Amino acid sequence: EFPLGESRSPRCVVFLHGLAGSASSPYIVRTAKKFRELGYRTIRVNLRGAACDGKFAQRPYHAGCSDDVQFLMEELSRRHPETQFSLVGFSLGGNVVLKWAGEYGDQWTGRVTKIVAANPPIDLAVCSSRIGTVLGGFYDRYFARILYGKVKAVPHWWELSRFCRLGTRPRGIVEFDDAFTAPMNNFASALEYYADASAARVMGRITLPTTIVSAEDDPLVPSSLFRETALSRSIDVHMTRSGGHLAYMGRRGVDPDRYWLDWRIIEWIEQSYDNSGRLLIPSDCDDMLLRAV
């Protein structure tokens, strides 16, 4: 998508959505529009199978599909050789972009100026276990039901699935991944998939300037992960006291609207161009209000 108005420079922001989301998810559409108003090009990515009802994808995306991001970036670089890119990932998309940065980032110095990951589940085994404990397992069942429905709607996925052969339904994310995501992507089990796909194992190798934002009260991604994981010196972690899982709301009058995260992403990426120094966000989030997830 092109800027709304005259473009100031060849800058582009690439957005990756979260689990069960798409390029049309409201948080991506809204943030991308703000960047276009500032003169940026934006690319809202549908991960493999997230668009067109999955009919063009041999298999669906998963939390470790960094090879797809590498293919995308190579194609964008070929088509737009003068453009500088920033990548923004939300939730699962945040894990994907961090994993990509750890595996491929050294190739992109000077072309990729900033990575932003919002509430990324960097240890999938921990987060998949955590989701089963929240609200009596409500989110676990909710996502499993949505993902199961997506599989059933795509004939060539459904015919290959264990659900079709055994006539079963997943009761939660781990069961879904064990029966579908793992075998569809050549993993022996959900646990093997989680171990391979988790960004935590490569975050010590990230050299691109990276900002992670998450919340102490995120019900799905424990804040302890970011204290316990070995992080490279290229990564800044901004941990807020409130905000839940991608539910950051600011106080009226602080930003042009109350979508606090949108404006922080803009500030972090703008800084990557003007070298104005690190933006410090108060850890107690005085400018935020908690919004229930």
C-alpha atoms as a PDB file:
ATOM      1  CA  GLU A   1       0.000   0.000   0.000  1.00  0.00           C
ATOM      2  CA  PHE A   2       1.304   3.417  -0.906  1.00  0.00           C
ATOM      3  CA  PRO A   3       1.551   6.508   1.320  1.00  0.00           C
ATOM      4  CA  LEU A   4      -1.463   8.732   1.825  1.00  0.00           C
ATOM      5  CA  GLY A   5       0.039  11.877   0.378  1.00  0.00           C
ATOM      6  CA  GLU A   6       3.574  12.650  -0.768  1.00  0.00           C
ATOM      7  CA  SER A   7       6.159  10.102   0.320  1.00  0.00           C
ATOM      8  CA  ARG A   8       9.100  11.501   2.257  1.00  0.00           C
ATOM      9  CA  SER A   9      11.554   8.658   1.615  1.00  0.00           C
ATOM     10  CA  PRO A  10      11.748   5.052   0.384  1.00  0.00           C
ATOM     11  CA  ARG A  11      10.685   3.475   3.667  1.00  0.00           C
ATOM     12  CA  CYS A  12       8.474   0.458   4.075  1.00  0.00           C
ATOM     13  CA  VAL A  13       6.945  -1.266   7.103  1.00  0.00           C
ATOM     14  CA  VAL A  14       6.064  -4.966   6.860  1.00  0.00           C
ATOM     15  CA  PHE A  15       3.383  -6.267   9.251  1.00  0.00           C
ATOM     16  CA  LEU A  16       2.882  -9.882  10.387  1.00  0.00           C
ATOM     17  CA  HIS A  17      -0.345 -10.880  12.124  1.00  0.00           C
ATOM     18  CA  GLY A  18      -1.044 -13.113  15.098  1.00  0.00           C
ATOM     19  CA  LEU A  19      -2.628 -16.553  15.506  1.00  0.00           C
ATOM     20  CA  ALA A  20      -5.904 -16.906  13.572  1.00  0.00           C
ATOM     21  CA  GLY A  21      -5.428 -13.355  12.263  1.00  0.00           C
ATOM     22  CA  SER A  22      -4.742 -11.984   8.802  1.00  0.00           C
ATOM     23  CA  ALA A  23      -3.594  -8.914   6.920  1.00  0.00           C
ATOM     24  CA  SER A  24      -7.080  -7.531   7.565  1.00  0.00           C
ATOM     25  CA  SER A  25      -6.870  -7.761  11.355  1.00  0.00           C
ATOM     26  CA  PRO A  26      -7.978  -4.385  12.762  1.00  0.00           C
ATOM     27  CA  TYR A  27      -4.760  -3.711  14.690  1.00  0.00           C
ATOM     28  CA  ILE A  28      -2.704  -4.146  11.513  1.00  0.00           C
ATOM     29  CA  VAL A  29      -5.011  -2.134   9.251  1.00  0.00           C
ATOM     30  CA  ARG A  30      -5.133   0.700  11.788  1.00  0.00           C
ATOM     31  CA  THR A  31      -1.382   0.891  12.404  1.00  0.00           C
ATOM     32  CA  ALA A  32      -0.533   0.592   8.716  1.00  0.00           C
ATOM     33  CA  LYS A  33      -2.814   3.521   7.902  1.00  0.00           C
ATOM     34  CA  LYS A  34      -0.971   5.700  10.406  1.00  0.00           C
ATOM     35  CA  PHE A  35       2.344   4.845   8.787  1.00  0.00           C
ATOM     36  CA  ARG A  36       1.005   5.659   5.325  1.00  0.00           C
ATOM     37  CA  GLU A  37      -0.134   9.032   6.616  1.00  0.00           C
ATOM     38  CA  LEU A  38       3.510   9.618   7.587  1.00  0.00           C
ATOM     39  CA  GLY A  39       4.733   8.781   4.092  1.00  0.00           C
ATOM     40  CA  TYR A  40       5.675   5.132   4.479  1.00  0.00           C
ATOM     41  CA  ARG A  41       4.811   2.278   2.204  1.00  0.00           C
ATOM     42  CA  THR A  42       3.235  -0.607   4.094  1.00  0.00           C
ATOM     43  CA  ILE A  43       2.921  -4.304   3.423  1.00  0.00           C
ATOM     44  CA  ARG A  44       0.345  -6.282   5.391  1.00  0.00           C
ATOM     45  CA  VAL A  45       1.325  -9.920   5.098  1.00  0.00           C
ATOM     46  CA  ASN A  46      -1.049 -12.847   5.012  1.00  0.00           C
ATOM     47  CA  LEU A  47       0.997 -15.730   6.344  1.00  0.00           C
ATOM     48  CA  ARG A  48       0.704 -18.971   4.395  1.00  0.00           C
ATOM     49  CA  GLY A  49      -2.940 -20.033   4.198  1.00  0.00           C
ATOM     50  CA  ALA A  50      -4.341 -17.034   6.092  1.00  0.00           C
ATOM     51  CA  ALA A  51      -6.065 -15.580   3.018  1.00  0.00           C
ATOM     52  CA  CYS A  52      -8.287 -16.953   0.237  1.00  0.00           C
ATOM     53  CA  ASP A  53      -9.582 -19.646   2.599  1.00  0.00           C
ATOM     54  CA  GLY A  54      -6.223 -21.433   2.383  1.00  0.00           C
ATOM     55  CA  LYS A  55      -6.984 -22.881  -1.046  1.00  0.00           C
ATOM     56  CA  PHE A  56      -3.650 -21.763  -2.544  1.00  0.00           C
ATOM     57  CA  ALA A  57      -1.473 -23.034   0.325  1.00  0.00           C
ATOM     58  CA  GLN A  58      -0.277 -26.634   0.467  1.00  0.00           C
ATOM     59  CA  ARG A  59       0.086 -26.258   4.222  1.00  0.00           C
ATOM     60  CA  PRO A  60      -0.809 -23.569   6.772  1.00  0.00           C
ATOM     61  CA  TYR A  61       1.578 -21.158   8.448  1.00  0.00           C
ATOM     62  CA  HIS A  62       2.997 -21.868  11.870  1.00  0.00           C
ATOM     63  CA  ALA A  63       4.855 -19.976  14.584  1.00  0.00           C
ATOM     64  CA  GLY A  64       8.288 -20.786  13.201  1.00  0.00           C
ATOM     65  CA  CYS A  65       7.807 -20.010   9.500  1.00  0.00           C
ATOM     66  CA  SER A  66      10.853 -17.745   9.256  1.00  0.00           C
ATOM     67  CA  ASP A  67      11.724 -19.263   5.871  1.00  0.00           C
ATOM     68  CA  ASP A  68       8.553 -17.728   4.448  1.00  0.00           C
ATOM     69  CA  VAL A  69       9.599 -14.327   5.795  1.00  0.00           C
ATOM     70  CA  GLN A  70      13.038 -14.739   4.225  1.00  0.00           C
ATOM     71  CA  PHE A  71      11.440 -15.545   0.860  1.00  0.00           C
ATOM     72  CA  LEU A  72       9.203 -12.486   1.208  1.00  0.00           C
ATOM     73  CA  MET A  73      12.100 -10.176   2.073  1.00  0.00           C
ATOM     74  CA  GLU A  74      14.224 -11.460  -0.798  1.00  0.00           C
ATOM     75  CA  GLU A  75      11.368 -10.791  -3.207  1.00  0.00           C
ATOM     76  CA  LEU A  76      10.695  -7.330  -1.794  1.00  0.00           C
ATOM     77  CA  SER A  77      14.382  -6.479  -1.943  1.00  0.00           C
ATOM     78  CA  ARG A  78      14.555  -7.577  -5.567  1.00  0.00           C
ATOM     79  CA  ARG A  79      11.522  -5.518  -6.552  1.00  0.00           C
ATOM     80  CA  HIS A  80      12.436  -2.467  -4.486  1.00  0.00           C
ATOM     81  CA  PRO A  81      16.247  -2.281  -4.308  1.00  0.00           C
ATOM     82  CA  GLU A  82      16.335   1.256  -2.862  1.00  0.00           C
ATOM     83  CA  THR A  83      13.837   0.630  -0.074  1.00  0.00           C
ATOM     84  CA  GLN A  84      14.664   0.268   3.614  1.00  0.00           C
ATOM     85  CA  PHE A  85      12.411  -2.033   5.600  1.00  0.00           C
ATOM     86  CA  SER A  86      11.131  -2.339   9.144  1.00  0.00           C
ATOM     87  CA  LEU A  87       9.273  -5.448  10.319  1.00  0.00           C
ATOM     88  CA  VAL A  88       6.510  -5.486  12.924  1.00  0.00           C
ATOM     89  CA  GLY A  89       5.092  -8.718  14.312  1.00  0.00           C
ATOM     90  CA  PHE A  90       2.124  -9.094  16.629  1.00  0.00           C
ATOM     91  CA  SER A  91       1.865 -12.072  19.007  1.00  0.00           C
ATOM     92  CA  LEU A  92       2.622 -15.196  16.922  1.00  0.00           C
ATOM     93  CA  GLY A  93       3.860 -12.888  14.157  1.00  0.00           C
ATOM     94  CA  GLY A  94       6.250 -11.403  16.700  1.00  0.00           C
ATOM     95  CA  ASN A  95       7.769 -14.818  17.364  1.00  0.00           C
ATOM     96  CA  VAL A  96       8.097 -15.385  13.616  1.00  0.00           C
ATOM     97  CA  VAL A  97       9.891 -12.102  12.986  1.00  0.00           C
ATOM     98  CA  LEU A  98      12.240 -12.573  15.959  1.00  0.00           C
ATOM     99  CA  LYS A  99      13.113 -16.077  14.781  1.00  0.00           C
ATOM    100  CA  TRP A 100      13.751 -14.692  11.300  1.00  0.00           C
ATOM    101  CA  ALA A 101      15.996 -11.960  12.714  1.00  0.00           C
ATOM    102  CA  GLY A 102      18.011 -14.523  14.667  1.00  0.00           C
ATOM    103  CA  GLU A 103      18.413 -16.858  11.693  1.00  0.00           C
ATOM    104  CA  TYR A 104      18.718 -14.474   8.747  1.00  0.00           C
ATOM    105  CA  GLY A 105      19.209 -10.973  10.150  1.00  0.00           C
ATOM    106  CA  ASP A 106      22.952 -10.798   9.444  1.00  0.00           C
ATOM    107  CA  GLN A 107      22.115 -10.740   5.730  1.00  0.00           C
ATOM    108  CA  TRP A 108      19.969  -7.634   6.116  1.00  0.00           C
ATOM    109  CA  THR A 109      22.189  -5.089   7.850  1.00  0.00           C
ATOM    110  CA  GLY A 110      21.512  -1.712   6.244  1.00  0.00           C
ATOM    111  CA  ARG A 111      18.340  -2.869   4.503  1.00  0.00           C
ATOM    112  CA  VAL A 112      16.264  -3.710   7.586  1.00  0.00           C
ATOM    113  CA  THR A 113      16.436  -0.828  10.013  1.00  0.00           C
ATOM    114  CA  LYS A 114      14.129  -2.005  12.809  1.00  0.00           C
ATOM    115  CA  ILE A 115      12.345  -5.043  14.218  1.00  0.00           C
ATOM    116  CA  VAL A 116       9.377  -4.592  16.571  1.00  0.00           C
ATOM    117  CA  ALA A 117       7.703  -7.566  18.252  1.00  0.00           C
ATOM    118  CA  ALA A 118       4.575  -7.030  20.350  1.00  0.00           C
ATOM    119  CA  ASN A 119       3.731  -9.681  22.972  1.00  0.00           C
ATOM    120  CA  PRO A 120       5.652 -12.442  21.189  1.00  0.00           C
ATOM    121  CA  PRO A 121       5.278 -15.994  22.595  1.00  0.00           C
ATOM    122  CA  ILE A 122       9.011 -16.686  22.374  1.00  0.00           C
ATOM    123  CA  ASP A 123       8.785 -20.037  24.191  1.00  0.00           C
ATOM    124  CA  LEU A 124       5.893 -21.889  22.605  1.00  0.00           C
ATOM    125  CA  ALA A 125       5.880 -24.781  25.054  1.00  0.00           C
ATOM    126  CA  VAL A 126       5.553 -22.416  28.007  1.00  0.00           C
ATOM    127  CA  CYS A 127       2.919 -20.251  26.319  1.00  0.00           C
ATOM    128  CA  SER A 128       0.831 -23.165  25.061  1.00  0.00           C
ATOM    129  CA  SER A 129       0.785 -24.541  28.598  1.00  0.00           C
ATOM    130  CA  ARG A 130      -0.069 -21.117  30.006  1.00  0.00           C
ATOM    131  CA  ILE A 131      -3.021 -20.568  27.688  1.00  0.00           C
ATOM    132  CA  GLY A 132      -4.699 -23.683  29.072  1.00  0.00           C
ATOM    133  CA  THR A 133      -4.803 -22.139  32.555  1.00  0.00           C
ATOM    134  CA  VAL A 134      -6.369 -18.772  31.665  1.00  0.00           C
ATOM    135  CA  LEU A 135     -10.072 -18.304  32.394  1.00  0.00           C
ATOM    136  CA  GLY A 136     -10.579 -22.005  32.895  1.00  0.00           C
ATOM    137  CA  GLY A 137      -9.093 -22.803  29.500  1.00  0.00           C
ATOM    138  CA  PHE A 138     -11.407 -20.455  27.594  1.00  0.00           C
ATOM    139  CA  TYR A 139      -8.730 -19.127  25.209  1.00  0.00           C
ATOM    140  CA  ASP A 140      -7.307 -22.611  24.714  1.00  0.00           C
ATOM    141  CA  ARG A 141     -10.660 -23.968  23.557  1.00  0.00           C
ATOM    142  CA  TYR A 142     -11.439 -20.787  21.589  1.00  0.00           C
ATOM    143  CA  PHE A 143      -8.293 -20.887  19.449  1.00  0.00           C
ATOM    144  CA  ALA A 144      -8.503 -24.656  18.995  1.00  0.00           C
ATOM    145  CA  ARG A 145     -12.074 -24.308  17.737  1.00  0.00           C
ATOM    146  CA  ILE A 146     -11.142 -21.540  15.280  1.00  0.00           C
ATOM    147  CA  LEU A 147      -8.106 -23.401  13.947  1.00  0.00           C
ATOM    148  CA  TYR A 148     -10.028 -26.661  13.634  1.00  0.00           C
ATOM    149  CA  GLY A 149     -12.687 -24.822  11.630  1.00  0.00           C
ATOM    150  CA  LYS A 150     -10.048 -23.400   9.287  1.00  0.00           C
ATOM    151  CA  VAL A 151      -8.612 -26.854   8.664  1.00  0.00           C
ATOM    152  CA  LYS A 152     -12.029 -28.359   7.995  1.00  0.00           C
ATOM    153  CA  ALA A 153     -12.794 -25.596   5.489  1.00  0.00           C
ATOM    154  CA  VAL A 154      -9.805 -26.472   3.277  1.00  0.00           C
ATOM    155  CA  PRO A 155     -10.365 -29.884   1.645  1.00  0.00           C
ATOM    156  CA  HIS A 156      -6.717 -30.760   0.998  1.00  0.00           C
ATOM    157  CA  TRP A 157      -5.768 -29.854   4.595  1.00  0.00           C
ATOM    158  CA  TRP A 158      -8.710 -31.755   6.024  1.00  0.00           C
ATOM    159  CA  GLU A 159      -8.013 -34.927   4.072  1.00  0.00           C
ATOM    160  CA  LEU A 160      -4.433 -35.012   5.385  1.00  0.00           C
ATOM    161  CA  SER A 161      -5.384 -34.290   8.965  1.00  0.00           C
ATOM    162  CA  ARG A 162      -5.587 -36.765  11.817  1.00  0.00           C
ATOM    163  CA  PHE A 163      -8.986 -35.253  12.654  1.00  0.00           C
ATOM    164  CA  CYS A 164     -10.399 -36.571   9.395  1.00  0.00           C
ATOM    165  CA  ARG A 165      -8.895 -40.047   9.811  1.00  0.00           C
ATOM    166  CA  LEU A 166      -9.831 -40.500  13.470  1.00  0.00           C
ATOM    167  CA  GLY A 167     -12.989 -38.412  13.655  1.00  0.00           C
ATOM    168  CA  THR A 168     -11.666 -36.400  16.611  1.00  0.00           C
ATOM    169  CA  ARG A 169     -11.718 -32.720  17.581  1.00  0.00           C
ATOM    170  CA  PRO A 170      -8.955 -30.886  19.475  1.00  0.00           C
ATOM    171  CA  ARG A 171      -9.763 -29.738  22.998  1.00  0.00           C
ATOM    172  CA  GLY A 172      -6.920 -27.232  23.087  1.00  0.00           C
ATOM    173  CA  ILE A 173      -3.929 -25.752  21.257  1.00  0.00           C
ATOM    174  CA  VAL A 174      -1.494 -28.528  22.180  1.00  0.00           C
ATOM    175  CA  GLU A 175      -3.874 -31.206  20.903  1.00  0.00           C
ATOM    176  CA  PHE A 176      -4.364 -29.240  17.687  1.00  0.00           C
ATOM    177  CA  ASP A 177      -0.635 -28.795  17.147  1.00  0.00           C
ATOM    178  CA  ASP A 178       0.086 -32.431  17.980  1.00  0.00           C
ATOM    179  CA  ALA A 179      -2.541 -33.707  15.550  1.00  0.00           C
ATOM    180  CA  PHE A 180      -2.162 -31.166  12.736  1.00  0.00           C
ATOM    181  CA  THR A 181       0.492 -28.428  12.867  1.00  0.00           C
ATOM    182  CA  ALA A 182       3.361 -30.754  13.771  1.00  0.00           C
ATOM    183  CA  PRO A 183       2.769 -33.547  11.220  1.00  0.00           C
ATOM    184  CA  MET A 184       1.865 -31.080   8.463  1.00  0.00           C
ATOM    185  CA  ASN A 185       5.288 -29.472   8.938  1.00  0.00           C
ATOM    186  CA  ASN A 186       7.333 -32.649   9.401  1.00  0.00           C
ATOM    187  CA  PHE A 187       7.629 -32.538  13.178  1.00  0.00           C
ATOM    188  CA  ALA A 188       7.155 -35.682  15.242  1.00  0.00           C
ATOM    189  CA  SER A 189       5.090 -33.978  17.925  1.00  0.00           C
ATOM    190  CA  ALA A 190       3.851 -30.645  19.208  1.00  0.00           C
ATOM    191  CA  LEU A 191       6.773 -30.505  21.648  1.00  0.00           C
ATOM    192  CA  GLU A 192       9.308 -30.989  18.859  1.00  0.00           C
ATOM    193  CA  TYR A 193       7.560 -28.273  16.852  1.00  0.00           C
ATOM    194  CA  TYR A 194       7.583 -25.901  19.828  1.00  0.00           C
ATOM    195  CA  ALA A 195      11.282 -26.480  20.468  1.00  0.00           C
ATOM    196  CA  ASP A 196      12.207 -25.777  16.850  1.00  0.00           C
ATOM    197  CA  ALA A 197       9.833 -22.855  16.256  1.00  0.00           C
ATOM    198  CA  SER A 198      10.427 -20.848  19.446  1.00  0.00           C
ATOM    199  CA  ALA A 199      12.344 -17.621  18.857  1.00  0.00           C
ATOM    200  CA  ALA A 200      13.953 -17.856  22.305  1.00  0.00           C
ATOM    201  CA  ARG A 201      16.603 -20.262  21.059  1.00  0.00           C
ATOM    202  CA  VAL A 202      18.037 -17.761  18.527  1.00  0.00           C
ATOM    203  CA  MET A 203      17.451 -14.386  20.193  1.00  0.00           C
ATOM    204  CA  GLY A 204      21.029 -14.247  21.417  1.00  0.00           C
ATOM    205  CA  ARG A 205      22.102 -14.051  17.759  1.00  0.00           C
ATOM    206  CA  ILE A 206      19.969 -11.072  16.707  1.00  0.00           C
ATOM    207  CA  THR A 207      22.063  -8.183  15.379  1.00  0.00           C
ATOM    208  CA  LEU A 208      19.341  -5.993  13.850  1.00  0.00           C
ATOM    209  CA  PRO A 209      17.995  -3.201  16.107  1.00  0.00           C
ATOM    210  CA  THR A 210      15.038  -4.808  17.859  1.00  0.00           C
ATOM    211  CA  THR A 211      12.390  -3.687  20.330  1.00  0.00           C
ATOM    212  CA  ILE A 212      10.111  -6.081  22.178  1.00  0.00           C
ATOM    213  CA  VAL A 213       7.081  -4.781  24.045  1.00  0.00           C
ATOM    214  CA  SER A 214       5.016  -6.919  26.381  1.00  0.00           C
ATOM    215  CA  ALA A 215       3.030  -6.568  29.589  1.00  0.00           C
ATOM    216  CA  GLU A 216       3.467  -7.936  33.085  1.00  0.00           C
ATOM    217  CA  ASP A 217      -0.216  -8.853  33.094  1.00  0.00           C
ATOM    218  CA  ASP A 218      -0.238 -10.610  29.709  1.00  0.00           C
ATOM    219  CA  PRO A 219      -2.336 -13.719  30.412  1.00  0.00           C
ATOM    220  CA  LEU A 220      -0.823 -15.653  27.504  1.00  0.00           C
ATOM    221  CA  VAL A 221       2.889 -14.714  27.479  1.00  0.00           C
ATOM    222  CA  PRO A 222       4.608 -14.787  30.907  1.00  0.00           C
ATOM    223  CA  SER A 223       6.789 -11.723  31.451  1.00  0.00           C
ATOM    224  CA  SER A 224       9.412 -13.966  33.078  1.00  0.00           C
ATOM    225  CA  LEU A 225      10.332 -15.301  29.629  1.00  0.00           C
ATOM    226  CA  PHE A 226      12.049 -12.045  28.741  1.00  0.00           C
ATOM    227  CA  ARG A 227      14.105 -12.079  31.930  1.00  0.00           C
ATOM    228  CA  GLU A 228      15.118 -15.725  31.608  1.00  0.00           C
ATOM    229  CA  THR A 229      15.964 -15.813  27.882  1.00  0.00           C
ATOM    230  CA  ALA A 230      19.460 -14.970  26.625  1.00  0.00           C
ATOM    231  CA  LEU A 231      19.012 -11.795  24.571  1.00  0.00           C
ATOM    232  CA  SER A 232      21.529 -10.087  22.328  1.00  0.00           C
ATOM    233  CA  ARG A 233      22.639  -6.526  23.012  1.00  0.00           C
ATOM    234  CA  SER A 234      20.655  -5.423  19.946  1.00  0.00           C
ATOM    235  CA  ILE A 235      17.362  -6.081  21.746  1.00  0.00           C
ATOM    236  CA  ASP A 236      15.505  -3.628  23.978  1.00  0.00           C
ATOM    237  CA  VAL A 237      12.646  -5.034  26.044  1.00  0.00           C
ATOM    238  CA  HIS A 238       9.947  -2.608  27.196  1.00  0.00           C
ATOM    239  CA  MET A 239       7.863  -4.322  29.850  1.00  0.00           C
ATOM    240  CA  THR A 240       4.725  -2.463  30.861  1.00  0.00           C
ATOM    241  CA  ARG A 241       2.785  -3.021  34.051  1.00  0.00           C
ATOM    242  CA  SER A 242      -0.560  -3.255  32.269  1.00  0.00           C
ATOM    243  CA  GLY A 243      -1.796  -3.897  28.772  1.00  0.00           C
ATOM    244  CA  GLY A 244      -2.715  -7.563  28.702  1.00  0.00           C
ATOM    245  CA  HIS A 245      -2.177  -9.307  25.386  1.00  0.00           C
ATOM    246  CA  LEU A 246      -2.120  -6.572  22.731  1.00  0.00           C
ATOM    247  CA  ALA A 247      -4.711  -4.593  24.689  1.00  0.00           C
ATOM    248  CA  TYR A 248      -2.734  -1.428  25.406  1.00  0.00           C
ATOM    249  CA  MET A 249      -4.936   1.622  25.845  1.00  0.00           C
ATOM    250  CA  GLY A 250      -3.553   5.075  26.641  1.00  0.00           C
ATOM    251  CA  ARG A 251      -5.057   7.918  28.584  1.00  0.00           C
ATOM    252  CA  ARG A 252      -6.965  10.538  26.651  1.00  0.00           C
ATOM    253  CA  GLY A 253      -4.923  13.492  25.464  1.00  0.00           C
ATOM    254  CA  VAL A 254      -1.511  11.803  25.533  1.00  0.00           C
ATOM    255  CA  ASP A 255      -1.535  10.542  21.916  1.00  0.00           C
ATOM    256  CA  PRO A 256      -3.794  11.514  18.987  1.00  0.00           C
ATOM    257  CA  ASP A 257      -5.957   8.511  19.883  1.00  0.00           C
ATOM    258  CA  ARG A 258      -5.968   5.935  22.673  1.00  0.00           C
ATOM    259  CA  TYR A 259      -4.271   3.131  20.743  1.00  0.00           C
ATOM    260  CA  TRP A 260      -1.095   3.375  22.780  1.00  0.00           C
ATOM    261  CA  LEU A 261       0.826   0.616  21.013  1.00  0.00           C
ATOM    262  CA  ASP A 262       0.335   2.110  17.532  1.00  0.00           C
ATOM    263  CA  TRP A 263       2.123   5.296  18.539  1.00  0.00           C
ATOM    264  CA  ARG A 264       4.967   3.515  20.314  1.00  0.00           C
ATOM    265  CA  ILE A 265       5.626   1.400  17.218  1.00  0.00           C
ATOM    266  CA  ILE A 266       5.715   4.577  15.136  1.00  0.00           C
ATOM    267  CA  GLU A 267       8.142   6.238  17.562  1.00  0.00           C
ATOM    268  CA  TRP A 268      10.491   3.259  17.658  1.00  0.00           C
ATOM    269  CA  ILE A 269      10.613   2.964  13.865  1.00  0.00           C
ATOM    270  CA  GLU A 270      10.957   6.711  13.325  1.00  0.00           C
ATOM    271  CA  GLN A 271      13.933   6.682  15.685  1.00  0.00           C
ATOM    272  CA  SER A 272      15.639   4.035  13.603  1.00  0.00           C
ATOM    273  CA  TYR A 273      15.952   6.611  10.840  1.00  0.00           C
ATOM    274  CA  ASP A 274      16.763   9.802  12.711  1.00  0.00           C
ATOM    275  CA  ASN A 275      19.115   8.238  15.327  1.00  0.00           C
ATOM    276  CA  SER A 276      17.601  10.391  18.071  1.00  0.00           C
ATOM    277  CA  GLY A 277      18.389   7.817  20.768  1.00  0.00           C
ATOM    278  CA  ARG A 278      16.430   5.257  22.701  1.00  0.00           C
ATOM    279  CA  LEU A 279      12.855   6.033  23.651  1.00  0.00           C
ATOM    280  CA  LEU A 280      12.355   5.328  27.350  1.00  0.00           C
ATOM    281  CA  ILE A 281       8.861   4.176  28.291  1.00  0.00           C
ATOM    282  CA  PRO A 282       8.092   4.295  32.018  1.00  0.00           C
ATOM    283  CA  SER A 283       7.896   0.769  33.376  1.00  0.00           C
ATOM    284  CA  ASP A 284       4.883   1.698  35.491  1.00  0.00           C
ATOM    285  CA  CYS A 285       2.990   2.910  32.398  1.00  0.00           C
ATOM    286  CA  ASP A 286       1.547   6.037  33.974  1.00  0.00           C
ATOM    287  CA  ASP A 287       0.069   6.963  30.600  1.00  0.00           C
ATOM    288  CA  MET A 288      -1.860   3.716  30.233  1.00  0.00           C
ATOM    289  CA  LEU A 289      -5.084   2.223  31.449  1.00  0.00           C
ATOM    290  CA  LEU A 290      -5.594  -1.506  31.806  1.00  0.00           C
ATOM    291  CA  ARG A 291      -8.094  -2.942  29.395  1.00  0.00           C
ATOM    292  CA  ALA A 292      -9.260  -6.487  29.982  1.00  0.00           C
ATOM    293  CA  VAL A 293      -8.215  -8.942  27.299  1.00  0.00           C
END
